[in-house]
């Protein structure tokens, strides 16, 4: 894919994401899309556009955060080259346990045939684990 095509696709994904519209999210993902969570997070990778869309349409967010409280996803920067986009973002919210959550993320998107084919997530998992109450062993 060309750089500007990739940029427009990833921007559209971020525009659709807050709606929680599973069908609209899935339409932006390949059938074999992969989501890879941070390696230290207690989460398993997910494969399949519908499964990834299901998770990002609300399941993960609803299970993790208190959505009656303010929730903000801020795109800090986006760097795109050909079929790859790297997005630096900040997420502020309230965890289900009431703890304040403020974390920085880096997402790497690989795109193919006008859709997102791979999503790699990087975040401060130590901070997330402490806020969420994960067993960090």
N, C-alpha and C. Protein backbone atom coordinates (compact mmCIF):
# COMPACT_ATOMS: atom_id res chain seq x y z
N UNK A 1 0.83 -1.19 0.00
CA UNK A 1 0.00 0.00 0.00
C UNK A 1 0.87 1.25 0.00
N UNK A 2 0.35 2.30 -0.54
CA UNK A 2 1.05 3.58 -0.56
C UNK A 2 0.93 4.25 0.81
N UNK A 3 1.88 5.10 1.14
CA UNK A 3 1.93 5.76 2.44
C UNK A 3 0.63 6.49 2.78
N UNK A 4 0.13 7.31 1.88
CA UNK A 4 -1.06 8.10 2.19
C UNK A 4 -2.31 7.23 2.32
N UNK A 5 -2.35 6.12 1.58
CA UNK A 5 -3.46 5.17 1.70
C UNK A 5 -3.44 4.53 3.10
N UNK A 6 -2.26 4.16 3.55
CA UNK A 6 -2.11 3.57 4.88
C UNK A 6 -2.49 4.59 5.96
N UNK A 7 -2.03 5.82 5.81
CA UNK A 7 -2.35 6.87 6.77
C UNK A 7 -3.87 7.07 6.87
N UNK A 8 -4.54 7.14 5.73
CA UNK A 8 -6.00 7.34 5.72
C UNK A 8 -6.72 6.16 6.37
N UNK A 9 -6.26 4.95 6.12
CA UNK A 9 -6.88 3.76 6.72
C UNK A 9 -6.75 3.77 8.23
N UNK A 10 -5.55 4.01 8.74
CA UNK A 10 -5.33 4.00 10.19
C UNK A 10 -6.08 5.16 10.85
N UNK A 11 -6.12 6.31 10.20
CA UNK A 11 -6.91 7.42 10.72
C UNK A 11 -8.39 7.05 10.79
N UNK A 12 -8.88 6.41 9.73
CA UNK A 12 -10.29 5.98 9.72
C UNK A 12 -10.55 4.99 10.86
N UNK A 13 -9.61 4.08 11.12
CA UNK A 13 -9.74 3.11 12.22
C UNK A 13 -9.91 3.86 13.55
N UNK A 14 -9.07 4.87 13.78
CA UNK A 14 -9.17 5.64 15.02
C UNK A 14 -10.45 6.48 15.07
N UNK A 15 -10.96 6.88 13.93
CA UNK A 15 -12.22 7.61 13.89
C UNK A 15 -13.40 6.70 14.25
N UNK A 16 -13.35 5.45 13.80
CA UNK A 16 -14.43 4.49 14.02
C UNK A 16 -14.35 3.84 15.40
N UNK A 17 -13.16 3.65 15.92
CA UNK A 17 -12.95 2.91 17.17
C UNK A 17 -13.83 3.38 18.33
N UNK A 18 -13.94 4.67 18.61
CA UNK A 18 -14.75 5.09 19.77
C UNK A 18 -16.24 4.75 19.65
N UNK A 19 -16.71 4.50 18.45
CA UNK A 19 -18.13 4.17 18.27
C UNK A 19 -18.47 2.79 18.83
N UNK A 20 -17.47 1.91 18.91
CA UNK A 20 -17.72 0.55 19.36
C UNK A 20 -18.51 -0.27 18.35
N UNK A 21 -18.59 0.21 17.11
CA UNK A 21 -19.36 -0.46 16.06
C UNK A 21 -18.53 -1.62 15.50
N UNK A 22 -18.86 -2.83 15.96
CA UNK A 22 -18.09 -4.02 15.59
C UNK A 22 -18.04 -4.21 14.07
N UNK A 23 -19.15 -3.99 13.39
CA UNK A 23 -19.20 -4.18 11.94
C UNK A 23 -18.29 -3.18 11.23
N UNK A 24 -18.32 -1.93 11.67
CA UNK A 24 -17.48 -0.90 11.05
C UNK A 24 -16.00 -1.16 11.32
N UNK A 25 -15.67 -1.62 12.52
CA UNK A 25 -14.28 -1.95 12.85
C UNK A 25 -13.82 -3.14 12.02
N UNK A 26 -14.64 -4.19 11.96
CA UNK A 26 -14.28 -5.40 11.21
C UNK A 26 -14.07 -5.09 9.73
N UNK A 27 -14.81 -4.14 9.18
CA UNK A 27 -14.67 -3.78 7.77
C UNK A 27 -13.29 -3.21 7.45
N UNK A 28 -12.57 -2.75 8.47
CA UNK A 28 -11.24 -2.17 8.27
C UNK A 28 -10.12 -3.18 8.49
N UNK A 29 -10.47 -4.41 8.85
CA UNK A 29 -9.49 -5.45 9.18
C UNK A 29 -9.54 -6.59 8.17
N UNK A 30 -8.38 -7.18 7.89
CA UNK A 30 -8.35 -8.37 7.03
C UNK A 30 -8.99 -9.54 7.78
N UNK A 31 -9.42 -10.54 7.04
CA UNK A 31 -10.02 -11.72 7.67
C UNK A 31 -9.03 -12.43 8.60
N UNK A 32 -7.73 -12.32 8.28
CA UNK A 32 -6.70 -12.99 9.08
C UNK A 32 -5.93 -12.00 9.96
N UNK A 33 -6.53 -10.87 10.26
CA UNK A 33 -5.88 -9.84 11.08
C UNK A 33 -5.39 -10.44 12.40
N UNK A 34 -4.22 -9.99 12.83
CA UNK A 34 -3.64 -10.42 14.10
C UNK A 34 -3.49 -9.23 15.03
N UNK A 35 -3.85 -9.41 16.30
CA UNK A 35 -3.55 -8.43 17.34
C UNK A 35 -2.58 -9.09 18.29
N UNK A 36 -1.44 -8.42 18.52
CA UNK A 36 -0.41 -8.93 19.42
C UNK A 36 -0.31 -7.97 20.60
N UNK A 37 -0.72 -8.42 21.80
CA UNK A 37 -0.63 -7.56 22.97
C UNK A 37 0.82 -7.44 23.43
N UNK A 38 1.10 -6.50 24.33
CA UNK A 38 2.46 -6.43 24.88
C UNK A 38 2.84 -7.79 25.48
N UNK A 39 4.06 -8.25 25.25
CA UNK A 39 4.45 -9.58 25.71
C UNK A 39 4.26 -9.83 27.20
N UNK A 40 4.43 -8.81 28.04
CA UNK A 40 4.31 -9.02 29.49
C UNK A 40 2.86 -8.92 29.99
N UNK A 41 1.93 -8.54 29.13
CA UNK A 41 0.53 -8.42 29.55
C UNK A 41 -0.09 -9.82 29.65
N UNK A 42 -1.01 -10.01 30.60
CA UNK A 42 -1.66 -11.31 30.75
C UNK A 42 -2.80 -11.48 29.74
N UNK A 43 -2.48 -11.28 28.47
CA UNK A 43 -3.46 -11.36 27.39
C UNK A 43 -2.89 -12.21 26.27
N UNK A 44 -3.74 -12.93 25.60
CA UNK A 44 -3.31 -13.78 24.50
C UNK A 44 -3.51 -13.05 23.17
N UNK A 45 -2.64 -13.31 22.18
CA UNK A 45 -2.87 -12.76 20.85
C UNK A 45 -4.21 -13.23 20.30
N UNK A 46 -4.77 -12.45 19.42
CA UNK A 46 -6.05 -12.80 18.79
C UNK A 46 -5.85 -12.76 17.28
N UNK A 47 -6.38 -13.77 16.60
CA UNK A 47 -6.30 -13.84 15.15
C UNK A 47 -7.70 -13.92 14.57
N UNK A 48 -7.90 -13.18 13.50
CA UNK A 48 -9.19 -13.16 12.81
C UNK A 48 -9.83 -11.79 12.93
N UNK A 49 -10.16 -11.19 11.81
CA UNK A 49 -10.72 -9.85 11.81
C UNK A 49 -11.95 -9.70 12.69
N UNK A 50 -12.86 -10.67 12.63
CA UNK A 50 -14.08 -10.58 13.45
C UNK A 50 -13.75 -10.67 14.94
N UNK A 51 -12.81 -11.55 15.31
CA UNK A 51 -12.44 -11.70 16.72
C UNK A 51 -11.74 -10.44 17.24
N UNK A 52 -10.87 -9.86 16.43
CA UNK A 52 -10.19 -8.62 16.83
C UNK A 52 -11.22 -7.50 16.95
N UNK A 53 -12.13 -7.40 15.99
CA UNK A 53 -13.18 -6.37 16.03
C UNK A 53 -14.06 -6.55 17.26
N UNK A 54 -14.39 -7.77 17.60
CA UNK A 54 -15.20 -8.05 18.79
C UNK A 54 -14.50 -7.50 20.03
N UNK A 55 -13.20 -7.76 20.14
CA UNK A 55 -12.47 -7.30 21.31
C UNK A 55 -12.42 -5.77 21.36
N UNK A 56 -12.10 -5.14 20.24
CA UNK A 56 -11.95 -3.69 20.24
C UNK A 56 -13.27 -2.93 20.12
N UNK A 57 -14.36 -3.64 19.86
CA UNK A 57 -15.66 -2.98 19.81
C UNK A 57 -16.25 -2.82 21.20
N UNK A 58 -15.55 -3.31 22.20
CA UNK A 58 -16.04 -3.07 23.54
C UNK A 58 -15.68 -4.09 24.58
N UNK A 59 -15.51 -5.35 24.22
CA UNK A 59 -15.29 -6.39 25.22
C UNK A 59 -14.09 -6.07 26.12
N UNK A 60 -12.95 -5.78 25.53
CA UNK A 60 -11.75 -5.50 26.32
C UNK A 60 -11.91 -4.21 27.12
N UNK A 61 -12.42 -3.18 26.48
CA UNK A 61 -12.58 -1.88 27.13
C UNK A 61 -13.59 -1.98 28.28
N UNK A 62 -14.74 -2.61 28.02
CA UNK A 62 -15.79 -2.73 29.05
C UNK A 62 -15.34 -3.58 30.23
N UNK A 63 -14.52 -4.60 29.97
CA UNK A 63 -14.03 -5.47 31.04
C UNK A 63 -12.92 -4.82 31.85
N UNK A 64 -12.24 -3.83 31.29
CA UNK A 64 -11.07 -3.23 31.92
C UNK A 64 -11.34 -1.89 32.59
N UNK A 65 -12.22 -1.08 31.98
CA UNK A 65 -12.40 0.29 32.45
C UNK A 65 -13.83 0.58 32.90
N UNK A 66 -13.96 1.53 33.81
CA UNK A 66 -15.24 2.04 34.28
C UNK A 66 -15.69 3.10 33.28
N UNK A 67 -16.59 2.73 32.38
CA UNK A 67 -16.98 3.64 31.31
C UNK A 67 -17.96 4.72 31.76
N UNK A 68 -18.35 4.70 33.04
CA UNK A 68 -19.15 5.81 33.56
C UNK A 68 -18.25 7.00 33.89
N UNK A 69 -16.94 6.78 33.85
CA UNK A 69 -15.95 7.82 34.12
C UNK A 69 -15.34 8.29 32.80
N UNK A 70 -14.71 9.48 32.79
CA UNK A 70 -14.08 9.96 31.55
C UNK A 70 -13.07 8.96 30.98
N UNK A 71 -13.08 8.84 29.66
CA UNK A 71 -12.21 7.92 28.93
C UNK A 71 -11.66 8.71 27.75
N UNK A 72 -10.35 8.81 27.64
CA UNK A 72 -9.77 9.63 26.57
C UNK A 72 -8.60 8.91 25.91
N UNK A 73 -8.68 8.82 24.60
CA UNK A 73 -7.60 8.26 23.79
C UNK A 73 -7.06 9.40 22.94
N UNK A 74 -5.82 9.76 23.18
CA UNK A 74 -5.18 10.88 22.48
C UNK A 74 -4.08 10.36 21.56
N UNK A 75 -4.21 10.68 20.28
CA UNK A 75 -3.15 10.34 19.32
C UNK A 75 -2.09 11.42 19.42
N UNK A 76 -0.89 11.04 19.81
CA UNK A 76 0.18 12.02 19.99
C UNK A 76 1.00 12.19 18.71
N UNK A 77 1.19 11.10 17.97
CA UNK A 77 1.89 11.20 16.69
C UNK A 77 1.61 9.95 15.87
N UNK A 78 1.76 10.11 14.55
CA UNK A 78 1.60 8.99 13.63
C UNK A 78 2.68 9.12 12.56
N UNK A 79 3.45 8.06 12.41
CA UNK A 79 4.50 8.01 11.39
C UNK A 79 4.14 6.87 10.45
N UNK A 80 4.10 7.16 9.16
CA UNK A 80 3.66 6.16 8.18
C UNK A 80 4.68 6.05 7.06
N UNK A 81 4.98 4.82 6.68
CA UNK A 81 5.84 4.55 5.54
C UNK A 81 5.29 3.33 4.81
N UNK A 82 4.90 3.54 3.57
CA UNK A 82 4.32 2.47 2.75
C UNK A 82 3.15 1.80 3.48
N UNK A 83 3.28 0.52 3.82
CA UNK A 83 2.16 -0.21 4.42
C UNK A 83 2.23 -0.29 5.95
N UNK A 84 3.12 0.46 6.57
CA UNK A 84 3.30 0.42 8.02
C UNK A 84 3.03 1.78 8.64
N UNK A 85 2.26 1.76 9.73
CA UNK A 85 1.99 2.98 10.50
C UNK A 85 2.36 2.73 11.95
N UNK A 86 3.01 3.71 12.56
CA UNK A 86 3.35 3.65 13.97
C UNK A 86 2.64 4.82 14.65
N UNK A 87 1.84 4.50 15.66
CA UNK A 87 1.04 5.51 16.33
C UNK A 87 1.42 5.54 17.81
N UNK A 88 1.79 6.74 18.26
CA UNK A 88 2.05 6.96 19.68
C UNK A 88 0.78 7.57 20.26
N UNK A 89 0.29 6.99 21.34
CA UNK A 89 -0.95 7.47 21.93
C UNK A 89 -0.90 7.44 23.44
N UNK A 90 -1.83 8.17 24.04
CA UNK A 90 -1.98 8.21 25.49
C UNK A 90 -3.43 7.86 25.82
N UNK A 91 -3.61 6.98 26.79
CA UNK A 91 -4.95 6.59 27.24
C UNK A 91 -5.10 6.97 28.70
N UNK A 92 -6.14 7.76 28.99
CA UNK A 92 -6.48 8.09 30.37
C UNK A 92 -7.89 7.61 30.62
N UNK A 93 -8.07 6.97 31.76
CA UNK A 93 -9.37 6.39 32.11
C UNK A 93 -9.35 6.01 33.59
N UNK A 94 -10.41 5.34 34.01
CA UNK A 94 -10.49 4.80 35.37
C UNK A 94 -10.67 3.30 35.25
N UNK A 95 -9.80 2.55 35.92
CA UNK A 95 -9.89 1.10 35.90
C UNK A 95 -11.15 0.65 36.64
N UNK A 96 -11.59 -0.57 36.37
CA UNK A 96 -12.77 -1.12 37.04
C UNK A 96 -12.65 -1.09 38.56
N UNK A 97 -11.41 -1.18 39.07
CA UNK A 97 -11.20 -1.17 40.52
C UNK A 97 -11.16 0.25 41.09
N UNK A 98 -11.38 1.27 40.25
CA UNK A 98 -11.42 2.65 40.70
C UNK A 98 -10.10 3.40 40.59
N UNK A 99 -9.02 2.71 40.25
CA UNK A 99 -7.72 3.36 40.13
C UNK A 99 -7.64 4.19 38.85
N UNK A 100 -6.96 5.33 38.95
CA UNK A 100 -6.72 6.18 37.78
C UNK A 100 -5.71 5.50 36.86
N UNK A 101 -5.98 5.55 35.57
CA UNK A 101 -5.11 4.93 34.56
C UNK A 101 -4.64 6.00 33.60
N UNK A 102 -3.34 6.08 33.41
CA UNK A 102 -2.74 7.04 32.49
C UNK A 102 -1.50 6.36 31.92
N UNK A 103 -1.59 5.89 30.68
CA UNK A 103 -0.50 5.10 30.10
C UNK A 103 -0.22 5.56 28.67
N UNK A 104 1.02 5.39 28.27
CA UNK A 104 1.48 5.69 26.92
C UNK A 104 1.55 4.38 26.14
N UNK A 105 1.18 4.44 24.88
CA UNK A 105 1.19 3.26 24.01
C UNK A 105 1.93 3.58 22.72
N UNK A 106 2.43 2.54 22.10
CA UNK A 106 2.92 2.61 20.74
C UNK A 106 2.29 1.42 20.01
N UNK A 107 1.62 1.71 18.93
CA UNK A 107 0.98 0.68 18.12
C UNK A 107 1.67 0.65 16.75
N UNK A 108 1.94 -0.54 16.27
CA UNK A 108 2.50 -0.72 14.94
C UNK A 108 1.47 -1.48 14.11
N UNK A 109 1.03 -0.83 13.04
CA UNK A 109 0.02 -1.40 12.15
C UNK A 109 0.66 -1.78 10.83
N UNK A 110 0.37 -2.99 10.36
CA UNK A 110 0.77 -3.42 9.03
C UNK A 110 -0.50 -3.57 8.22
N UNK A 111 -0.52 -2.94 7.05
CA UNK A 111 -1.73 -2.91 6.23
C UNK A 111 -1.50 -3.65 4.92
N UNK A 112 -2.59 -4.20 4.40
CA UNK A 112 -2.52 -4.97 3.16
C UNK A 112 -3.87 -4.88 2.46
N UNK A 113 -3.85 -4.64 1.18
CA UNK A 113 -5.07 -4.64 0.37
C UNK A 113 -6.15 -3.71 0.93
N UNK A 114 -5.73 -2.55 1.45
CA UNK A 114 -6.68 -1.56 1.93
C UNK A 114 -7.25 -1.83 3.31
N UNK A 115 -6.67 -2.79 4.03
CA UNK A 115 -7.15 -3.12 5.37
C UNK A 115 -5.98 -3.33 6.34
N UNK A 116 -6.27 -3.29 7.62
CA UNK A 116 -5.25 -3.55 8.65
C UNK A 116 -5.10 -5.05 8.81
N UNK A 117 -3.87 -5.54 8.69
CA UNK A 117 -3.61 -6.98 8.75
C UNK A 117 -2.92 -7.41 10.04
N UNK A 118 -2.25 -6.48 10.70
CA UNK A 118 -1.51 -6.85 11.93
C UNK A 118 -1.44 -5.63 12.82
N UNK A 119 -1.65 -5.85 14.12
CA UNK A 119 -1.61 -4.78 15.11
C UNK A 119 -0.74 -5.25 16.27
N UNK A 120 0.39 -4.57 16.46
CA UNK A 120 1.27 -4.89 17.58
C UNK A 120 1.16 -3.76 18.60
N UNK A 121 0.88 -4.12 19.83
CA UNK A 121 0.68 -3.14 20.90
C UNK A 121 1.87 -3.17 21.86
N UNK A 122 2.38 -1.98 22.16
CA UNK A 122 3.44 -1.82 23.15
C UNK A 122 2.96 -0.82 24.19
N UNK A 123 3.16 -1.13 25.46
CA UNK A 123 2.72 -0.24 26.54
C UNK A 123 3.55 -0.55 27.78
N UNK A 124 3.43 0.31 28.76
CA UNK A 124 4.09 0.09 30.05
C UNK A 124 3.22 -0.90 30.83
N UNK A 125 3.55 -2.18 30.71
CA UNK A 125 2.74 -3.22 31.35
C UNK A 125 2.92 -3.25 32.86
N UNK A 126 4.05 -2.78 33.37
CA UNK A 126 4.23 -2.70 34.82
C UNK A 126 3.24 -1.69 35.40
N UNK A 127 3.15 -0.52 34.78
CA UNK A 127 2.19 0.48 35.21
C UNK A 127 0.76 -0.07 35.09
N UNK A 128 0.43 -0.65 33.95
CA UNK A 128 -0.91 -1.20 33.74
C UNK A 128 -1.23 -2.27 34.78
N UNK A 129 -0.28 -3.14 35.04
CA UNK A 129 -0.49 -4.21 36.01
C UNK A 129 -0.73 -3.68 37.41
N UNK A 130 0.01 -2.68 37.81
CA UNK A 130 -0.19 -2.10 39.13
C UNK A 130 -1.56 -1.44 39.25
N UNK A 131 -1.95 -0.70 38.21
CA UNK A 131 -3.25 -0.02 38.24
C UNK A 131 -4.40 -1.03 38.19
N UNK A 132 -4.27 -2.04 37.34
CA UNK A 132 -5.35 -3.01 37.14
C UNK A 132 -5.38 -4.10 38.22
N UNK A 133 -4.29 -4.21 38.97
CA UNK A 133 -4.23 -5.25 40.00
C UNK A 133 -3.87 -6.63 39.44
N UNK A 134 -3.14 -6.64 38.32
CA UNK A 134 -2.71 -7.92 37.75
C UNK A 134 -1.69 -8.58 38.65
N UNK A 135 -1.68 -9.90 38.68
CA UNK A 135 -0.65 -10.66 39.38
C UNK A 135 0.61 -10.65 38.52
N UNK A 136 1.60 -9.87 38.93
CA UNK A 136 2.82 -9.73 38.12
C UNK A 136 3.88 -10.76 38.49
N UNK A 137 3.54 -11.65 39.39
CA UNK A 137 4.43 -12.75 39.74
C UNK A 137 5.62 -12.28 40.42
